Amino acid sequence: MSVVTIGQALLAADRALSGRYVGIERILKDAVNTSATSFDVFLSHSKMDDKYVLGAKQILEEKGFSVYVDWINDPQLDRSMVTKRTADYLRQRMKQCSLMFYLHTKNSSLSKWCPWEMGFFDGNAHSAPRTYVFPLVFSGESFQGQEYLELYPTIDIDDVGKVTQLKKDVWGKFSSNERQWRQISGVLAEVG
């Protein structure tokens, strides 16, 4: 299994910042000016990892996914404190996304919101899995997350978007004749 390294995420963030954007402020301004109400992926993350998040978003977009990131798409949202208003807003946004990718870093395990987002999304998923772990690791390291993360499939980045037109085999974990693979590929075809 191939996971994304922190170095790869930082390079992707640099691509996002250098090409069409001048900086994070411009990305925020452009995102606010879009009226997207549905996304392929809700990217659950720690705000402390903003550059990693930007890189992960860029990698997924290069693979053909539309990605929701709260502080990019909804910068007016205050996530610094857990409030009913913010929770209600995030619930609405999660319902507008087909999949959740939990960006796992050392900071995400400290987040007040990440475990709640995973639980909400997983609890509201259909019969096929729609919640996945997207680990970021240092080069040469393997992914080792908290025990509860083993409940969710881990994304194999080498397989993300290989069949972009159908967006199948996101994690490369199941053979095509397995029942679970048929359920998952159906979910991803819906996203396409």
C-alpha atoms as a PDB file:
ATOM      1  CA  MET A   1       0.000   0.000   0.000  1.00  0.00           C
ATOM      2  CA  SER A   2       1.256   3.426  -0.902  1.00  0.00           C
ATOM      3  CA  VAL A   3       0.383   6.379   1.311  1.00  0.00           C
ATOM      4  CA  VAL A   4       1.104  10.052   0.744  1.00  0.00           C
ATOM      5  CA  THR A   5       4.193  11.423   2.427  1.00  0.00           C
ATOM      6  CA  ILE A   6       4.330  14.785   4.111  1.00  0.00           C
ATOM      7  CA  GLY A   7       6.887  15.827   1.477  1.00  0.00           C
ATOM      8  CA  GLN A   8       4.460  14.952  -1.331  1.00  0.00           C
ATOM      9  CA  ALA A   9       1.695  16.931   0.384  1.00  0.00           C
ATOM     10  CA  LEU A  10       3.968  19.963   0.765  1.00  0.00           C
ATOM     11  CA  LEU A  11       4.986  19.786  -2.917  1.00  0.00           C
ATOM     12  CA  ALA A  12       1.320  19.611  -3.926  1.00  0.00           C
ATOM     13  CA  ALA A  13       0.557  22.600  -1.684  1.00  0.00           C
ATOM     14  CA  ASP A  14       3.327  24.516  -3.439  1.00  0.00           C
ATOM     15  CA  ARG A  15       1.747  23.610  -6.802  1.00  0.00           C
ATOM     16  CA  ALA A  16      -1.596  24.920  -5.591  1.00  0.00           C
ATOM     17  CA  LEU A  17      -0.033  28.131  -4.323  1.00  0.00           C
ATOM     18  CA  SER A  18       2.214  28.760  -7.319  1.00  0.00           C
ATOM     19  CA  GLY A  19       0.035  28.051 -10.351  1.00  0.00           C
ATOM     20  CA  ARG A  20      -3.208  29.941 -10.443  1.00  0.00           C
ATOM     21  CA  TYR A  21      -3.033  31.353  -6.921  1.00  0.00           C
ATOM     22  CA  VAL A  22      -0.847  33.933  -5.258  1.00  0.00           C
ATOM     23  CA  GLY A  23      -1.380  32.628  -1.750  1.00  0.00           C
ATOM     24  CA  ILE A  24      -3.763  31.078   0.715  1.00  0.00           C
ATOM     25  CA  GLU A  25      -5.702  34.352   0.964  1.00  0.00           C
ATOM     26  CA  ARG A  26      -6.461  34.200  -2.772  1.00  0.00           C
ATOM     27  CA  ILE A  27      -7.542  30.551  -2.499  1.00  0.00           C
ATOM     28  CA  LEU A  28      -9.977  31.544   0.243  1.00  0.00           C
ATOM     29  CA  LYS A  29     -11.353  34.431  -1.822  1.00  0.00           C
ATOM     30  CA  ASP A  30     -11.821  32.223  -4.899  1.00  0.00           C
ATOM     31  CA  ALA A  31     -13.481  29.447  -2.889  1.00  0.00           C
ATOM     32  CA  VAL A  32     -15.969  31.854  -1.322  1.00  0.00           C
ATOM     33  CA  ASN A  33     -16.876  33.081  -4.799  1.00  0.00           C
ATOM     34  CA  THR A  34     -17.984  29.588  -5.867  1.00  0.00           C
ATOM     35  CA  SER A  35     -21.475  28.324  -5.238  1.00  0.00           C
ATOM     36  CA  ALA A  36     -20.729  24.592  -5.035  1.00  0.00           C
ATOM     37  CA  THR A  37     -23.299  22.707  -3.007  1.00  0.00           C
ATOM     38  CA  SER A  38     -22.014  19.183  -3.567  1.00  0.00           C
ATOM     39  CA  PHE A  39     -18.576  17.628  -3.410  1.00  0.00           C
ATOM     40  CA  ASP A  40     -17.041  14.219  -3.898  1.00  0.00           C
ATOM     41  CA  VAL A  41     -14.959  14.386  -0.709  1.00  0.00           C
ATOM     42  CA  PHE A  42     -15.319  16.003   2.713  1.00  0.00           C
ATOM     43  CA  LEU A  43     -11.705  16.308   3.920  1.00  0.00           C
ATOM     44  CA  SER A  44     -11.700  15.955   7.720  1.00  0.00           C
ATOM     45  CA  HIS A  45      -8.497  17.407   9.178  1.00  0.00           C
ATOM     46  CA  SER A  46      -6.806  19.473  11.844  1.00  0.00           C
ATOM     47  CA  LYS A  47      -6.620  23.197  11.094  1.00  0.00           C
ATOM     48  CA  MET A  48      -3.063  23.071  12.489  1.00  0.00           C
ATOM     49  CA  ASP A  49      -2.142  21.173   9.302  1.00  0.00           C
ATOM     50  CA  ASP A  50      -3.258  23.867   6.864  1.00  0.00           C
ATOM     51  CA  LYS A  51      -0.417  23.383   4.361  1.00  0.00           C
ATOM     52  CA  TYR A  52      -0.778  19.577   4.473  1.00  0.00           C
ATOM     53  CA  VAL A  53      -4.528  19.995   3.960  1.00  0.00           C
ATOM     54  CA  LEU A  54      -3.939  22.246   0.981  1.00  0.00           C
ATOM     55  CA  GLY A  55      -1.555  19.633  -0.464  1.00  0.00           C
ATOM     56  CA  ALA A  56      -3.964  16.741   0.118  1.00  0.00           C
ATOM     57  CA  LYS A  57      -6.755  18.754  -1.500  1.00  0.00           C
ATOM     58  CA  GLN A  58      -4.526  19.469  -4.507  1.00  0.00           C
ATOM     59  CA  ILE A  59      -3.567  15.781  -4.860  1.00  0.00           C
ATOM     60  CA  LEU A  60      -7.218  14.701  -4.785  1.00  0.00           C
ATOM     61  CA  GLU A  61      -8.248  17.413  -7.244  1.00  0.00           C
ATOM     62  CA  GLU A  62      -5.465  16.316  -9.599  1.00  0.00           C
ATOM     63  CA  LYS A  63      -7.028  12.845  -9.396  1.00  0.00           C
ATOM     64  CA  GLY A  64     -10.408  14.257 -10.458  1.00  0.00           C
ATOM     65  CA  PHE A  65     -12.219  14.693  -7.129  1.00  0.00           C
ATOM     66  CA  SER A  66     -14.014  17.817  -5.933  1.00  0.00           C
ATOM     67  CA  VAL A  67     -12.983  18.426  -2.325  1.00  0.00           C
ATOM     68  CA  TYR A  68     -14.678  20.335   0.503  1.00  0.00           C
ATOM     69  CA  VAL A  69     -12.403  21.914   3.120  1.00  0.00           C
ATOM     70  CA  ASP A  70     -14.267  23.999   5.676  1.00  0.00           C
ATOM     71  CA  TRP A  71     -11.777  26.846   6.136  1.00  0.00           C
ATOM     72  CA  ILE A  72     -11.356  27.152   2.363  1.00  0.00           C
ATOM     73  CA  ASN A  73     -14.982  26.825   1.263  1.00  0.00           C
ATOM     74  CA  ASP A  74     -16.514  28.423   4.350  1.00  0.00           C
ATOM     75  CA  PRO A  75     -13.898  30.721   5.931  1.00  0.00           C
ATOM     76  CA  GLN A  76     -16.590  32.509   7.968  1.00  0.00           C
ATOM     77  CA  LEU A  77     -17.099  29.315   9.994  1.00  0.00           C
ATOM     78  CA  ASP A  78     -15.569  29.412  13.481  1.00  0.00           C
ATOM     79  CA  ARG A  79     -14.167  26.005  14.367  1.00  0.00           C
ATOM     80  CA  SER A  80     -12.138  27.252  17.318  1.00  0.00           C
ATOM     81  CA  MET A  81     -14.999  26.412  19.681  1.00  0.00           C
ATOM     82  CA  VAL A  82     -17.496  23.579  19.574  1.00  0.00           C
ATOM     83  CA  THR A  83     -20.926  25.173  19.111  1.00  0.00           C
ATOM     84  CA  LYS A  84     -24.315  23.919  17.971  1.00  0.00           C
ATOM     85  CA  ARG A  85     -24.321  26.418  15.094  1.00  0.00           C
ATOM     86  CA  THR A  86     -20.965  25.186  13.752  1.00  0.00           C
ATOM     87  CA  ALA A  87     -21.950  21.538  14.240  1.00  0.00           C
ATOM     88  CA  ASP A  88     -25.232  22.077  12.373  1.00  0.00           C
ATOM     89  CA  TYR A  89     -23.400  23.783   9.529  1.00  0.00           C
ATOM     90  CA  LEU A  90     -20.818  20.997   9.269  1.00  0.00           C
ATOM     91  CA  ARG A  91     -23.605  18.374   9.318  1.00  0.00           C
ATOM     92  CA  GLN A  92     -25.214  20.136   6.355  1.00  0.00           C
ATOM     93  CA  ARG A  93     -21.902  20.240   4.478  1.00  0.00           C
ATOM     94  CA  MET A  94     -21.139  16.564   5.191  1.00  0.00           C
ATOM     95  CA  LYS A  95     -24.529  15.638   3.746  1.00  0.00           C
ATOM     96  CA  GLN A  96     -23.460  17.426   0.544  1.00  0.00           C
ATOM     97  CA  CYS A  97     -20.418  15.135   0.168  1.00  0.00           C
ATOM     98  CA  SER A  98     -20.328  11.581  -1.165  1.00  0.00           C
ATOM     99  CA  LEU A  99     -17.216  10.463   0.721  1.00  0.00           C
ATOM    100  CA  MET A 100     -15.227  11.446   3.796  1.00  0.00           C
ATOM    101  CA  PHE A 101     -11.442  11.247   3.850  1.00  0.00           C
ATOM    102  CA  TYR A 102      -9.967  11.650   7.336  1.00  0.00           C
ATOM    103  CA  LEU A 103      -6.535  13.225   6.869  1.00  0.00           C
ATOM    104  CA  HIS A 104      -4.519  11.504   9.564  1.00  0.00           C
ATOM    105  CA  THR A 105      -1.579  13.417  11.045  1.00  0.00           C
ATOM    106  CA  LYS A 106      -0.274  13.779  14.578  1.00  0.00           C
ATOM    107  CA  ASN A 107      -2.455  16.896  14.898  1.00  0.00           C
ATOM    108  CA  SER A 108      -5.701  15.314  13.694  1.00  0.00           C
ATOM    109  CA  SER A 109      -5.757  13.013  16.708  1.00  0.00           C
ATOM    110  CA  LEU A 110      -5.796  16.163  18.888  1.00  0.00           C
ATOM    111  CA  SER A 111      -8.688  17.752  17.014  1.00  0.00           C
ATOM    112  CA  LYS A 112     -12.025  18.341  18.720  1.00  0.00           C
ATOM    113  CA  TRP A 113     -13.845  17.975  15.425  1.00  0.00           C
ATOM    114  CA  CYS A 114     -12.215  15.104  13.475  1.00  0.00           C
ATOM    115  CA  PRO A 115     -13.533  12.159  15.540  1.00  0.00           C
ATOM    116  CA  TRP A 116     -16.986  13.764  15.664  1.00  0.00           C
ATOM    117  CA  GLU A 117     -16.987  14.283  11.868  1.00  0.00           C
ATOM    118  CA  MET A 118     -15.977  10.665  11.272  1.00  0.00           C
ATOM    119  CA  GLY A 119     -18.669   9.372  13.598  1.00  0.00           C
ATOM    120  CA  PHE A 120     -21.363  11.560  12.058  1.00  0.00           C
ATOM    121  CA  PHE A 121     -20.411  10.682   8.487  1.00  0.00           C
ATOM    122  CA  ASP A 122     -20.017   6.977   9.219  1.00  0.00           C
ATOM    123  CA  GLY A 123     -23.313   6.893  11.095  1.00  0.00           C
ATOM    124  CA  ASN A 124     -25.129   8.494   8.172  1.00  0.00           C
ATOM    125  CA  ALA A 125     -23.467   6.409   5.451  1.00  0.00           C
ATOM    126  CA  HIS A 126     -25.427   4.086   3.224  1.00  0.00           C
ATOM    127  CA  SER A 127     -24.747   0.354   3.021  1.00  0.00           C
ATOM    128  CA  ALA A 128     -21.351   0.798   1.346  1.00  0.00           C
ATOM    129  CA  PRO A 129     -18.446   2.354   3.254  1.00  0.00           C
ATOM    130  CA  ARG A 130     -18.011   6.066   2.604  1.00  0.00           C
ATOM    131  CA  THR A 131     -15.524   6.983   5.342  1.00  0.00           C
ATOM    132  CA  TYR A 132     -11.809   6.440   4.702  1.00  0.00           C
ATOM    133  CA  VAL A 133      -8.491   7.166   6.373  1.00  0.00           C
ATOM    134  CA  PHE A 134      -6.066   9.275   4.297  1.00  0.00           C
ATOM    135  CA  PRO A 135      -2.774   9.040   6.211  1.00  0.00           C
ATOM    136  CA  LEU A 136       0.141  11.449   5.790  1.00  0.00           C
ATOM    137  CA  VAL A 137       3.474  10.004   6.910  1.00  0.00           C
ATOM    138  CA  PHE A 138       7.120  10.995   6.831  1.00  0.00           C
ATOM    139  CA  SER A 139       9.117   9.365   4.032  1.00  0.00           C
ATOM    140  CA  GLY A 140      10.107   5.823   4.997  1.00  0.00           C
ATOM    141  CA  GLU A 141       7.447   5.532   7.694  1.00  0.00           C
ATOM    142  CA  SER A 142       4.428   3.289   7.599  1.00  0.00           C
ATOM    143  CA  PHE A 143       0.972   4.324   8.746  1.00  0.00           C
ATOM    144  CA  GLN A 144       0.160   3.601  12.368  1.00  0.00           C
ATOM    145  CA  GLY A 145      -3.058   5.238  13.579  1.00  0.00           C
ATOM    146  CA  GLN A 146      -5.236   4.989  16.640  1.00  0.00           C
ATOM    147  CA  GLU A 147      -6.974   1.661  17.074  1.00  0.00           C
ATOM    148  CA  TYR A 148     -10.434   2.941  16.037  1.00  0.00           C
ATOM    149  CA  LEU A 149      -9.074   3.957  12.614  1.00  0.00           C
ATOM    150  CA  GLU A 150      -8.721   0.267  11.773  1.00  0.00           C
ATOM    151  CA  LEU A 151     -12.517   0.251  11.366  1.00  0.00           C
ATOM    152  CA  TYR A 152     -12.115   2.212   8.117  1.00  0.00           C
ATOM    153  CA  PRO A 153     -10.390   1.427   4.815  1.00  0.00           C
ATOM    154  CA  THR A 154      -7.081   3.229   4.253  1.00  0.00           C
ATOM    155  CA  ILE A 155      -6.580   5.056   0.970  1.00  0.00           C
ATOM    156  CA  ASP A 156      -3.885   3.690  -1.339  1.00  0.00           C
ATOM    157  CA  ILE A 157      -2.876   6.846  -3.197  1.00  0.00           C
ATOM    158  CA  ASP A 158      -1.335   4.925  -6.105  1.00  0.00           C
ATOM    159  CA  ASP A 159      -4.786   3.619  -6.949  1.00  0.00           C
ATOM    160  CA  VAL A 160      -6.722   6.847  -6.497  1.00  0.00           C
ATOM    161  CA  GLY A 161      -8.048   7.967  -9.840  1.00  0.00           C
ATOM    162  CA  LYS A 162      -6.451   5.197 -11.958  1.00  0.00           C
ATOM    163  CA  VAL A 163      -9.781   4.773 -13.663  1.00  0.00           C
ATOM    164  CA  THR A 164     -10.662   8.441 -13.370  1.00  0.00           C
ATOM    165  CA  GLN A 165     -13.702   8.402 -15.612  1.00  0.00           C
ATOM    166  CA  LEU A 166     -15.425   5.992 -13.210  1.00  0.00           C
ATOM    167  CA  LYS A 167     -13.461   6.898 -10.064  1.00  0.00           C
ATOM    168  CA  LYS A 168     -13.229   3.248  -9.086  1.00  0.00           C
ATOM    169  CA  ASP A 169     -10.673   1.456  -6.929  1.00  0.00           C
ATOM    170  CA  VAL A 170      -9.852   4.393  -4.682  1.00  0.00           C
ATOM    171  CA  TRP A 171      -7.881   2.292  -2.250  1.00  0.00           C
ATOM    172  CA  GLY A 172      -7.089  -0.844  -4.259  1.00  0.00           C
ATOM    173  CA  LYS A 173      -8.096  -3.048  -1.365  1.00  0.00           C
ATOM    174  CA  PHE A 174     -10.737  -5.375  -2.815  1.00  0.00           C
ATOM    175  CA  SER A 175     -10.725  -7.722  -5.783  1.00  0.00           C
ATOM    176  CA  SER A 176     -13.398  -7.058  -8.406  1.00  0.00           C
ATOM    177  CA  ASN A 177     -15.377 -10.191  -7.570  1.00  0.00           C
ATOM    178  CA  GLU A 178     -15.845  -9.411  -3.873  1.00  0.00           C
ATOM    179  CA  ARG A 179     -19.285  -8.250  -2.764  1.00  0.00           C
ATOM    180  CA  GLN A 180     -17.806  -5.322  -0.831  1.00  0.00           C
ATOM    181  CA  TRP A 181     -15.892  -4.194  -3.952  1.00  0.00           C
ATOM    182  CA  ARG A 182     -19.138  -4.118  -5.946  1.00  0.00           C
ATOM    183  CA  GLN A 183     -20.768  -1.957  -3.269  1.00  0.00           C
ATOM    184  CA  ILE A 184     -17.803   0.425  -3.083  1.00  0.00           C
ATOM    185  CA  SER A 185     -17.365   0.759  -6.831  1.00  0.00           C
ATOM    186  CA  GLY A 186     -21.067   1.603  -7.094  1.00  0.00           C
ATOM    187  CA  VAL A 187     -20.595   4.440  -4.599  1.00  0.00           C
ATOM    188  CA  LEU A 188     -17.623   5.787  -6.523  1.00  0.00           C
ATOM    189  CA  ALA A 189     -19.416   5.531  -9.854  1.00  0.00           C
ATOM    190  CA  GLU A 190     -22.196   7.662  -8.312  1.00  0.00           C
ATOM    191  CA  VAL A 191     -19.543  10.253  -7.434  1.00  0.00           C
ATOM    192  CA  GLY A 192     -18.295  10.285 -11.031  1.00  0.00           C
END
